[in-house]
Amino acid sequence: MTKQKMNNLIALVFKQGKDNSKLSKSKTQPCPQCGYPIGIISGSNEAICKNCGFKDPCCE
């Protein structure tokens, strides 16, 4: 593998890592009780507020 191809591959992997971090940030919503960011998937551990303990009543 040439040095240029290797640099292109590294740049591509770095770019994909940046894109993935943007996706993970968009998978949150404010807690209805205190406004702290929580996950958007009901029933998941990420959807329980780490600040006030709010849990969606549909999942109890």
N, C-alpha and C. Protein backbone atom coordinates (compact mmCIF):
# COMPACT_ATOMS: atom_id res chain seq x y z
N MET A 1 0.86 -1.18 0.00
CA MET A 1 0.00 0.00 0.00
C MET A 1 0.90 1.24 0.00
N THR A 2 0.56 2.16 -0.87
CA THR A 2 1.35 3.38 -0.93
C THR A 2 1.01 4.30 0.23
N LYS A 3 1.92 5.24 0.49
CA LYS A 3 1.70 6.18 1.59
C LYS A 3 0.46 7.03 1.34
N GLN A 4 0.22 7.42 0.08
CA GLN A 4 -0.96 8.24 -0.25
C GLN A 4 -2.26 7.46 0.00
N LYS A 5 -2.31 6.20 -0.39
CA LYS A 5 -3.50 5.39 -0.17
C LYS A 5 -3.75 5.21 1.33
N MET A 6 -2.67 5.03 2.07
CA MET A 6 -2.81 4.85 3.51
C MET A 6 -3.34 6.14 4.16
N ASN A 7 -2.84 7.29 3.74
CA ASN A 7 -3.33 8.57 4.25
C ASN A 7 -4.80 8.77 3.91
N ASN A 8 -5.20 8.39 2.70
CA ASN A 8 -6.61 8.51 2.29
C ASN A 8 -7.49 7.63 3.16
N LEU A 9 -7.03 6.43 3.46
CA LEU A 9 -7.79 5.51 4.30
C LEU A 9 -7.93 6.07 5.71
N ILE A 10 -6.85 6.59 6.25
CA ILE A 10 -6.89 7.18 7.60
C ILE A 10 -7.86 8.36 7.63
N ALA A 11 -7.82 9.20 6.60
CA ALA A 11 -8.72 10.35 6.53
C ALA A 11 -10.17 9.89 6.46
N LEU A 12 -10.45 8.84 5.72
CA LEU A 12 -11.81 8.31 5.59
C LEU A 12 -12.31 7.78 6.94
N VAL A 13 -11.49 7.02 7.63
CA VAL A 13 -11.87 6.48 8.93
C VAL A 13 -12.12 7.61 9.92
N PHE A 14 -11.26 8.63 9.92
CA PHE A 14 -11.42 9.77 10.81
C PHE A 14 -12.73 10.49 10.52
N LYS A 15 -13.04 10.68 9.24
CA LYS A 15 -14.28 11.37 8.85
C LYS A 15 -15.49 10.56 9.31
N GLN A 16 -15.47 9.25 9.14
CA GLN A 16 -16.59 8.41 9.57
C GLN A 16 -16.78 8.49 11.07
N GLY A 17 -15.70 8.55 11.83
CA GLY A 17 -15.79 8.70 13.28
C GLY A 17 -16.47 10.00 13.67
N LYS A 18 -16.15 11.07 12.96
CA LYS A 18 -16.80 12.35 13.23
C LYS A 18 -18.29 12.27 12.92
N ASP A 19 -18.64 11.65 11.81
CA ASP A 19 -20.05 11.53 11.43
C ASP A 19 -20.82 10.72 12.45
N ASN A 20 -20.22 9.66 12.97
CA ASN A 20 -20.90 8.82 13.96
C ASN A 20 -21.13 9.58 15.25
N SER A 21 -20.20 10.44 15.65
CA SER A 21 -20.41 11.20 16.88
C SER A 21 -21.56 12.18 16.72
N LYS A 22 -21.75 12.71 15.52
CA LYS A 22 -22.88 13.61 15.28
C LYS A 22 -24.19 12.85 15.38
N LEU A 23 -24.19 11.60 14.90
CA LEU A 23 -25.42 10.81 14.98
C LEU A 23 -25.78 10.50 16.42
N SER A 24 -24.79 10.16 17.22
CA SER A 24 -25.10 9.82 18.60
C SER A 24 -25.63 11.02 19.37
N LYS A 25 -25.14 12.22 19.05
CA LYS A 25 -25.64 13.42 19.72
C LYS A 25 -27.09 13.69 19.35
N SER A 26 -27.50 13.33 18.15
CA SER A 26 -28.86 13.62 17.71
C SER A 26 -29.87 12.63 18.27
N LYS A 27 -29.41 11.58 18.96
CA LYS A 27 -30.31 10.57 19.50
C LYS A 27 -30.70 10.87 20.94
N THR A 28 -30.80 12.15 21.25
CA THR A 28 -31.23 12.56 22.59
C THR A 28 -32.38 13.56 22.49
N GLN A 29 -33.06 13.71 23.60
CA GLN A 29 -34.12 14.69 23.72
C GLN A 29 -34.06 15.23 25.14
N PRO A 30 -34.63 16.39 25.41
CA PRO A 30 -34.62 16.88 26.79
C PRO A 30 -35.59 16.10 27.66
N CYS A 31 -35.20 15.86 28.89
CA CYS A 31 -36.08 15.21 29.87
C CYS A 31 -37.29 16.10 30.09
N PRO A 32 -38.50 15.54 30.05
CA PRO A 32 -39.69 16.36 30.26
C PRO A 32 -39.78 16.96 31.66
N GLN A 33 -39.07 16.38 32.61
CA GLN A 33 -39.16 16.84 33.99
C GLN A 33 -38.11 17.91 34.31
N CYS A 34 -36.84 17.72 33.85
CA CYS A 34 -35.79 18.66 34.24
C CYS A 34 -35.01 19.26 33.07
N GLY A 35 -35.20 18.72 31.86
CA GLY A 35 -34.52 19.26 30.68
C GLY A 35 -33.16 18.64 30.38
N TYR A 36 -32.67 17.74 31.22
CA TYR A 36 -31.38 17.08 31.00
C TYR A 36 -31.49 16.16 29.77
N PRO A 37 -30.45 16.05 28.93
CA PRO A 37 -30.54 15.19 27.74
C PRO A 37 -30.69 13.71 28.11
N ILE A 38 -31.67 13.05 27.49
CA ILE A 38 -31.87 11.61 27.67
C ILE A 38 -32.04 10.96 26.31
N GLY A 39 -31.93 9.64 26.25
CA GLY A 39 -32.09 8.91 25.00
C GLY A 39 -33.52 8.95 24.50
N ILE A 40 -33.68 8.75 23.19
CA ILE A 40 -35.02 8.83 22.61
C ILE A 40 -35.70 7.48 22.48
N ILE A 41 -35.01 6.39 22.80
CA ILE A 41 -35.60 5.06 22.64
C ILE A 41 -36.26 4.67 23.95
N SER A 42 -37.59 4.68 23.97
CA SER A 42 -38.33 4.34 25.19
C SER A 42 -38.00 2.93 25.63
N GLY A 43 -37.83 2.76 26.92
CA GLY A 43 -37.54 1.44 27.48
C GLY A 43 -36.06 1.13 27.59
N SER A 44 -35.21 1.95 26.98
CA SER A 44 -33.77 1.71 27.07
C SER A 44 -33.21 2.39 28.32
N ASN A 45 -32.05 1.94 28.77
CA ASN A 45 -31.42 2.55 29.94
C ASN A 45 -31.07 4.00 29.67
N GLU A 46 -30.77 4.34 28.41
CA GLU A 46 -30.42 5.71 28.05
C GLU A 46 -31.62 6.65 28.17
N ALA A 47 -32.83 6.10 28.19
CA ALA A 47 -34.04 6.93 28.28
C ALA A 47 -34.40 7.27 29.72
N ILE A 48 -33.67 6.75 30.69
CA ILE A 48 -33.89 7.10 32.10
C ILE A 48 -32.97 8.29 32.40
N CYS A 49 -33.54 9.35 32.92
CA CYS A 49 -32.77 10.57 33.18
C CYS A 49 -31.76 10.34 34.30
N LYS A 50 -30.50 10.62 34.01
CA LYS A 50 -29.44 10.45 35.00
C LYS A 50 -29.42 11.62 36.00
N ASN A 51 -30.14 12.68 35.69
CA ASN A 51 -30.17 13.85 36.56
C ASN A 51 -31.28 13.73 37.62
N CYS A 52 -32.51 13.43 37.18
CA CYS A 52 -33.63 13.41 38.13
C CYS A 52 -34.28 12.04 38.27
N GLY A 53 -33.89 11.06 37.43
CA GLY A 53 -34.45 9.72 37.52
C GLY A 53 -35.74 9.50 36.76
N PHE A 54 -36.18 10.50 35.97
CA PHE A 54 -37.42 10.38 35.22
C PHE A 54 -37.38 9.15 34.32
N LYS A 55 -38.48 8.41 34.30
CA LYS A 55 -38.64 7.26 33.41
C LYS A 55 -40.02 7.36 32.79
N ASP A 56 -40.10 7.16 31.49
CA ASP A 56 -41.36 7.25 30.77
C ASP A 56 -42.38 6.28 31.37
N PRO A 57 -43.57 6.75 31.75
CA PRO A 57 -44.55 5.87 32.39
C PRO A 57 -45.01 4.71 31.50
N CYS A 58 -44.83 4.81 30.20
CA CYS A 58 -45.24 3.72 29.32
C CYS A 58 -44.37 2.50 29.52
N CYS A 59 -43.23 2.65 30.15
CA CYS A 59 -42.27 1.54 30.26
C CYS A 59 -42.18 0.95 31.66
N GLU A 60 -43.02 1.38 32.57
CA GLU A 60 -42.96 0.87 33.94
C GLU A 60 -43.69 -0.42 34.08
